[in-house]
Protein backbone atom coordinates (compact mmCIF):
# COMPACT_ATOMS: atom_id res chain seq x y z
CA MET A 1 29.26 27.63 -51.84
CA LYS A 2 28.12 24.06 -52.45
CA TRP A 3 29.79 22.81 -49.17
CA ASN A 4 28.03 25.63 -47.10
CA THR A 5 24.58 24.91 -48.63
CA GLU A 6 24.45 21.19 -47.82
CA LEU A 7 25.65 21.73 -44.14
CA PRO A 8 22.34 23.04 -42.93
CA VAL A 9 20.77 20.25 -44.48
CA LYS A 10 22.85 17.70 -42.70
CA THR A 11 22.28 19.58 -39.40
CA ARG A 12 18.30 19.40 -39.77
CA ARG A 13 18.67 15.36 -40.39
CA VAL A 14 20.78 15.10 -37.09
CA ALA A 15 18.33 17.53 -35.38
CA ARG A 16 15.05 15.44 -36.01
CA PRO A 17 15.93 12.35 -33.98
CA ARG A 18 16.97 14.83 -31.11
CA LEU A 19 13.87 16.37 -31.00
CA GLY A 20 11.96 13.14 -30.85
CA ILE A 21 14.16 12.29 -27.78
CA VAL A 22 13.19 15.49 -26.36
CA VAL A 23 9.37 14.71 -26.54
CA LEU A 24 9.76 11.40 -25.29
CA ILE A 25 11.64 12.92 -22.19
CA VAL A 26 9.17 15.73 -21.70
CA GLY A 27 6.01 13.36 -22.31
CA GLY A 28 7.49 11.04 -19.61
CA ARG A 29 7.64 13.64 -17.14
CA ASP A 30 4.32 14.86 -18.02
CA ARG A 31 2.60 11.31 -17.39
CA GLN A 32 4.47 11.20 -14.11
CA GLU A 33 3.11 14.59 -13.01
CA ARG A 34 -0.53 13.65 -14.15
CA ARG A 35 -0.09 10.46 -12.10
CA ARG A 36 1.03 12.20 -9.26
CA SER A 37 -1.45 14.84 -9.50
CA ASP A 38 -4.32 12.10 -9.98
CA ASN A 39 -3.21 10.41 -6.78
CA GLU A 40 -3.27 13.64 -5.06
CA THR A 41 -6.67 14.31 -6.44
CA ASP A 42 -7.80 10.71 -5.26
CA TRP A 43 -6.85 11.22 -1.83
CA GLY A 44 -8.62 14.69 -1.82
CA THR A 45 -11.78 13.04 -3.59
CA ILE A 46 -11.65 10.40 -0.77
CA VAL A 47 -11.48 12.82 2.12
CA GLU A 48 -14.18 14.95 0.66
CA MET A 49 -16.56 11.89 -0.01
CA ILE A 50 -16.14 10.67 3.57
CA PRO A 51 -19.14 12.68 5.35
CA ARG A 52 -21.54 11.80 2.38
CA PHE A 53 -20.31 8.38 2.29
CA VAL A 54 -21.05 7.89 6.02
CA LEU A 55 -24.50 9.39 5.69
CA LEU A 56 -25.34 7.03 2.59
CA ALA A 57 -24.04 4.02 4.53
CA PHE A 58 -26.09 4.68 7.42
CA ALA A 59 -29.46 5.18 5.32
CA ASP A 60 -28.59 1.68 3.72
CA VAL A 61 -28.07 0.31 7.01
CA GLY A 62 -31.38 1.79 8.05
CA CYS A 63 -33.16 0.32 5.01
CA ALA A 64 -31.80 -3.16 5.54
CA PHE A 65 -32.84 -3.02 9.26
CA LEU A 66 -36.22 -2.18 8.17
CA VAL A 67 -36.27 -5.02 5.70
CA PHE A 68 -35.16 -7.41 8.48
CA LEU A 69 -37.48 -5.93 11.18
CA PRO A 70 -40.40 -8.60 10.54
CA VAL A 71 -37.90 -11.33 11.59
CA VAL A 72 -37.05 -9.43 14.77
CA VAL A 73 -40.77 -8.64 15.60
CA LEU A 74 -42.23 -12.08 14.74
CA ASN A 75 -39.72 -13.84 16.83
CA LEU A 76 -39.15 -11.54 19.81
CA SER A 77 -42.90 -10.62 20.26
CA LYS A 78 -45.88 -12.79 21.57
CA ILE A 79 -47.18 -13.36 18.32
CA VAL A 80 -48.16 -16.85 17.56
CA PRO A 81 -48.50 -18.68 14.18
CA PHE A 82 -51.98 -19.25 12.70
CA GLU A 83 -53.44 -22.16 14.70
CA ARG A 84 -54.62 -24.30 11.76
CA GLY A 85 -56.83 -27.65 12.38
CA PHE A 86 -56.05 -31.03 11.14
CA PHE A 87 -57.83 -34.01 9.85
CA CYS A 88 -57.53 -37.09 11.84
CA ASP A 89 -56.45 -39.57 9.06
CA ASP A 90 -53.66 -37.02 7.95
CA ASP A 91 -50.65 -39.38 7.77
CA SER A 92 -48.14 -36.70 6.90
CA ILE A 93 -48.27 -34.99 10.53
CA LYS A 94 -47.77 -38.20 12.23
CA LEU A 95 -44.09 -38.78 11.96
CA PRO A 96 -41.86 -38.78 14.89
CA HIS A 97 -39.63 -35.73 16.12
CA LYS A 98 -35.96 -35.97 15.17
CA GLY A 99 -33.03 -33.56 15.55
CA ASP A 100 -31.54 -31.55 12.94
CA THR A 101 -29.05 -32.88 10.50
CA ILE A 102 -27.83 -29.16 9.81
CA SER A 103 -28.56 -26.95 12.78
CA SER A 104 -29.74 -23.44 12.25
CA GLY A 105 -26.75 -22.07 13.59
CA LEU A 106 -24.42 -23.96 11.36
CA LEU A 107 -26.62 -23.01 8.29
CA PHE A 108 -26.39 -19.30 9.03
CA ALA A 109 -22.46 -19.85 9.71
CA LEU A 110 -21.74 -21.37 6.59
CA GLY A 111 -24.41 -19.57 4.44
CA LEU A 112 -22.93 -16.07 5.61
CA CYS A 113 -19.30 -16.84 5.99
CA ILE A 114 -18.60 -18.66 2.58
CA PRO A 115 -20.01 -15.75 0.27
CA ILE A 116 -18.45 -13.09 2.36
CA ALA A 117 -15.21 -14.87 1.92
CA ALA A 118 -15.42 -15.30 -1.52
CA ILE A 119 -16.42 -11.80 -2.05
CA ILE A 120 -13.60 -10.36 0.01
CA CYS A 121 -11.09 -12.65 -1.87
CA GLY A 122 -12.10 -11.99 -5.26
CA GLU A 123 -12.38 -8.44 -4.87
CA ALA A 124 -8.75 -8.33 -3.32
CA ALA A 125 -7.48 -10.28 -6.07
CA ALA A 126 -9.39 -7.82 -8.62
CA MET A 127 -7.44 -5.07 -6.82
CA LYS A 128 -3.97 -6.80 -6.98
CA PHE A 129 -4.45 -7.40 -10.76
CA HIS A 130 -5.24 -3.73 -11.13
CA GLN A 131 -2.20 -2.53 -9.44
CA GLU A 132 0.14 -4.97 -11.26
CA HIS A 133 -1.39 -4.01 -14.97
CA HIS A 134 -2.22 -0.28 -14.18
CA ASN A 135 1.09 0.89 -13.10
CA GLY A 136 0.75 0.29 -9.31
CA ALA A 137 -2.24 2.89 -9.07
CA LEU A 138 -2.46 1.93 -5.32
CA VAL A 139 -4.77 4.78 -4.36
CA ARG A 140 -7.51 4.40 -7.01
CA SER A 141 -7.62 0.56 -6.61
CA SER A 142 -7.82 0.88 -2.97
CA ARG A 143 -10.66 3.11 -3.43
CA GLN A 144 -12.35 0.67 -5.91
CA LEU A 145 -11.89 -2.21 -3.54
CA TYR A 146 -13.79 -0.54 -0.90
CA LEU A 147 -16.53 0.67 -2.77
CA ALA A 148 -16.77 -3.09 -4.40
CA LEU A 149 -16.98 -4.54 -1.16
CA TYR A 150 -19.34 -2.00 0.32
CA LEU A 151 -21.62 -2.61 -2.79
CA HIS A 152 -21.38 -6.32 -2.95
CA LEU A 153 -21.34 -7.09 0.66
CA GLY A 154 -24.39 -4.62 1.52
CA ALA A 155 -26.21 -6.10 -1.50
CA PHE A 156 -25.84 -9.75 -0.23
CA LEU A 157 -26.82 -8.95 3.33
CA PHE A 158 -29.72 -6.98 1.99
CA GLY A 159 -30.89 -9.85 0.20
CA ALA A 160 -30.47 -12.43 3.02
CA ALA A 161 -32.62 -10.10 5.03
CA VAL A 162 -35.18 -9.92 2.40
CA SER A 163 -35.29 -13.82 2.17
CA GLN A 164 -35.78 -14.25 5.71
CA SER A 165 -38.43 -11.93 6.17
CA LEU A 166 -40.48 -13.31 3.42
CA THR A 167 -40.03 -16.80 4.97
CA GLU A 168 -41.00 -15.78 8.31
CA VAL A 169 -44.19 -13.78 7.33
CA ALA A 170 -45.19 -16.95 5.44
CA LYS A 171 -44.47 -19.46 8.37
CA PHE A 172 -46.54 -17.34 10.86
CA ALA A 173 -49.53 -16.32 8.34
CA ILE A 174 -50.03 -19.70 6.90
CA GLY A 175 -49.32 -22.18 10.03
CA ARG A 176 -48.99 -25.23 8.07
CA LEU A 177 -48.37 -28.08 10.53
CA ARG A 178 -44.70 -29.91 10.29
CA PRO A 179 -44.71 -33.46 9.87
CA HIS A 180 -43.78 -34.34 13.31
CA PHE A 181 -46.98 -32.20 14.80
CA LEU A 182 -48.80 -34.67 16.65
CA ASP A 183 -45.54 -36.23 18.20
CA VAL A 184 -45.02 -32.83 19.62
CA CYS A 185 -48.40 -31.47 20.50
CA LYS A 186 -49.53 -34.73 22.18
CA PRO A 187 -53.12 -33.60 21.82
CA LEU A 188 -55.58 -34.36 24.71
CA ASN A 189 -58.39 -36.91 24.12
CA LEU A 190 -57.59 -37.32 20.53
CA THR A 191 -59.43 -40.49 20.22
CA GLU A 192 -62.52 -39.42 21.52
CA ARG A 193 -62.21 -35.94 19.56
CA CYS A 194 -61.70 -37.88 16.32
CA ALA A 195 -65.28 -38.90 16.02
CA GLY A 196 -65.64 -36.35 12.91
CA SER A 197 -63.46 -35.94 10.25
CA TYR A 198 -61.73 -32.67 11.25
CA ILE A 199 -60.53 -31.19 14.47
CA PRO A 200 -60.45 -27.23 14.27
CA GLU A 201 -58.32 -26.70 17.40
CA ALA A 202 -55.82 -29.07 18.85
CA LEU A 203 -55.73 -29.35 22.83
CA CYS A 204 -51.80 -29.61 22.94
CA THR A 205 -50.20 -30.72 26.24
CA GLY A 206 -46.61 -31.00 24.76
CA ASP A 207 -44.12 -27.98 25.13
CA ALA A 208 -45.64 -24.55 24.23
CA SER A 209 -42.36 -23.41 22.35
CA ARG A 210 -42.09 -26.75 20.34
CA VAL A 211 -45.98 -26.76 19.44
CA ALA A 212 -45.42 -23.26 17.89
CA ASP A 213 -42.61 -24.14 16.09
CA ALA A 214 -44.37 -27.28 14.64
CA ARG A 215 -46.90 -24.90 13.20
CA LYS A 216 -44.27 -23.09 10.88
CA SER A 217 -44.09 -25.75 8.13
CA PHE A 218 -44.54 -23.56 5.20
CA TYR A 219 -42.18 -22.78 3.68
CA SER A 220 -38.76 -24.17 4.62
CA GLY A 221 -36.40 -21.48 5.97
CA HIS A 222 -33.26 -23.71 5.58
CA SER A 223 -34.03 -24.35 1.88
CA SER A 224 -34.74 -20.65 1.17
CA PHE A 225 -31.79 -19.54 2.91
CA SER A 226 -29.25 -21.85 1.58
CA SER A 227 -30.40 -21.47 -1.90
CA TYR A 228 -30.25 -17.72 -1.66
CA THR A 229 -26.63 -17.64 -0.37
CA MET A 230 -25.58 -20.42 -2.83
CA ILE A 231 -27.16 -18.94 -5.80
CA PHE A 232 -25.89 -15.52 -5.07
CA LEU A 233 -22.26 -16.96 -4.59
CA ALA A 234 -22.42 -18.91 -8.01
CA LEU A 235 -23.61 -15.89 -9.96
CA TYR A 236 -20.99 -13.83 -8.29
CA LEU A 237 -18.49 -16.49 -9.37
CA GLN A 238 -19.98 -16.25 -12.85
CA VAL A 239 -19.64 -12.54 -13.22
CA ARG A 240 -16.83 -11.37 -11.05
CA MET A 241 -14.45 -14.06 -11.25
CA PRO A 242 -13.46 -14.91 -14.89
CA TRP A 243 -10.89 -17.74 -14.56
CA ARG A 244 -7.92 -18.19 -16.89
CA GLY A 245 -6.81 -21.60 -16.16
CA THR A 246 -8.95 -24.59 -16.35
CA ARG A 247 -12.34 -24.06 -17.84
CA LEU A 248 -14.10 -26.36 -15.38
CA LEU A 249 -12.90 -24.92 -12.21
CA ARG A 250 -15.45 -22.28 -11.92
CA PRO A 251 -18.25 -24.72 -12.90
CA LEU A 252 -17.13 -27.07 -10.27
CA LEU A 253 -17.45 -24.48 -7.58
CA GLN A 254 -20.67 -23.48 -8.81
CA PHE A 255 -21.70 -26.86 -8.79
CA ALA A 256 -20.38 -27.67 -5.09
CA ALA A 257 -22.23 -24.76 -3.93
CA ILE A 258 -25.57 -25.53 -5.65
CA LEU A 259 -25.14 -29.15 -4.49
CA GLY A 260 -24.70 -27.98 -0.67
CA ALA A 261 -28.06 -25.84 -0.88
CA PHE A 262 -29.66 -28.92 -2.50
CA TYR A 263 -28.54 -31.11 0.15
CA VAL A 264 -29.66 -28.99 3.02
CA GLY A 265 -33.29 -28.75 1.62
CA LEU A 266 -33.31 -32.53 1.40
CA SER A 267 -32.15 -33.09 4.94
CA ARG A 268 -35.07 -31.06 6.02
CA ILE A 269 -37.67 -33.68 4.57
CA SER A 270 -35.39 -36.64 6.21
CA ASP A 271 -35.52 -34.98 9.50
CA HIS A 272 -39.21 -34.88 9.50
CA LYS A 273 -39.20 -30.93 9.65
CA HIS A 274 -41.03 -30.20 6.39
CA HIS A 275 -42.99 -31.56 3.45
CA TRP A 276 -41.44 -31.69 0.14
CA SER A 277 -43.64 -29.06 -1.08
CA ASP A 278 -42.12 -26.66 1.75
CA VAL A 279 -38.58 -27.46 0.47
CA LEU A 280 -39.52 -26.84 -3.06
CA THR A 281 -41.03 -23.56 -2.43
CA GLY A 282 -38.18 -22.50 -0.17
CA PHE A 283 -35.91 -23.24 -3.22
CA PHE A 284 -37.81 -21.33 -5.50
CA GLN A 285 -38.04 -18.32 -3.24
CA GLY A 286 -34.35 -18.32 -2.28
CA THR A 287 -33.27 -18.47 -5.99
CA ILE A 288 -35.75 -15.66 -7.26
CA VAL A 289 -34.49 -13.08 -4.51
CA ALA A 290 -30.92 -14.17 -5.23
CA MET A 291 -31.43 -13.47 -9.09
CA LEU A 292 -33.48 -9.85 -8.33
CA VAL A 293 -30.70 -8.85 -5.96
CA VAL A 294 -27.99 -10.05 -8.38
CA PHE A 295 -29.78 -8.38 -11.34
CA TYR A 296 -31.02 -4.93 -9.89
CA VAL A 297 -29.43 -4.34 -6.50
CA ALA A 298 -25.81 -5.51 -6.85
CA ASP A 299 -26.13 -5.26 -10.64
CA PHE A 300 -23.28 -7.54 -11.23
CA PHE A 301 -23.87 -7.93 -15.09
CA ARG A 302 -23.64 -4.22 -15.88
CA MET A 303 -20.69 -3.24 -13.73
CA SER A 304 -18.73 -6.34 -14.05
CA HIS A 305 -15.20 -5.56 -14.87
CA LYS A 306 -13.70 -8.39 -16.77
CA ILE A 307 -10.07 -8.95 -15.74
CA GLU A 308 -8.33 -8.90 -19.26
CA GLU A 309 -4.54 -8.59 -20.23
CA PRO A 310 -3.63 -5.10 -21.47
CA ALA A 311 -3.54 -5.22 -25.20
CA HIS A 312 -0.26 -3.23 -25.60
CA ASP A 313 2.64 -2.31 -23.45
CA GLY A 314 1.88 1.51 -22.33
CA ARG A 315 5.58 2.46 -22.54
CA ARG A 316 5.94 1.09 -26.22
CA MET A 317 2.81 2.98 -27.23
CA ASP A 318 4.14 6.24 -25.56
CA THR A 319 7.31 5.60 -27.55
CA VAL A 320 5.65 5.07 -30.97
CA ASN A 321 3.24 7.93 -30.31
CA ALA A 322 6.15 10.43 -29.34
CA ALA A 323 8.07 9.26 -32.84
CA ASN A 324 4.83 9.74 -34.94
CA SER A 325 4.71 13.16 -33.75
CA VAL A 326 7.80 14.46 -34.84
């Protein structure tokens, strides 16, 4: 009788570990099914979101075009800058005309390509990290990549359009004379007309397009565009690309970006294209626009996903939870 009484006790002790193994197997299968269903749901969600996403994308493109419209209208229409007079003894507009150290084409190519390439590489690296540390969730991370590229690139280009529109409106509305204005204008009968202290209207005999451009000194488009693009890039590197290696690599890249923008602005002074106040104002405007776009349009600091190592191994945690549930 005693032997028969102890047998069920031993059986129960042996059965408990088996129950834990069964729970682990069933739990693993459930997790695989959930992942499979999540991926299927993601594909379905993507397909359902395509029409709405396309409409929103067209709306965003329309908004960006409206912001950039002043640049198109002012440069393609027959609108001329405000014709400002000058003082005969104003030496700040008597400098000789020089070429560009940094041409407009080179400025726009570098200012657009470098941040765009950095954003694409940064978001692709974030997606790769997400796949490696989240069980290879390809569909979910791919969707996040496309959404991040759309948001960040769209915000960057929108801010660039804002910066250029503000600059062009200021140039045409103020009409400040460039340092090389008299060299380009070649005013008629300047000696006779300088009997007074102020000439309200210059009778220019030089090339009309160059004269019109010489009336667009305030403020510097080179400095505003370069400061906007490079400040945006520096803030993107700060928020979206945390470095786990050397602590000075990211500050080095940020310094290089800001130094490049600083050099572009200074070159406009040495090229006799702008006064120092034009360049300083351009730096200020580009920086303000970049910060507003980063904080309120792209909203980097709210939606930034810091790339961090997982605190625990997922499989080990599942095993512990299943064992504790027995």
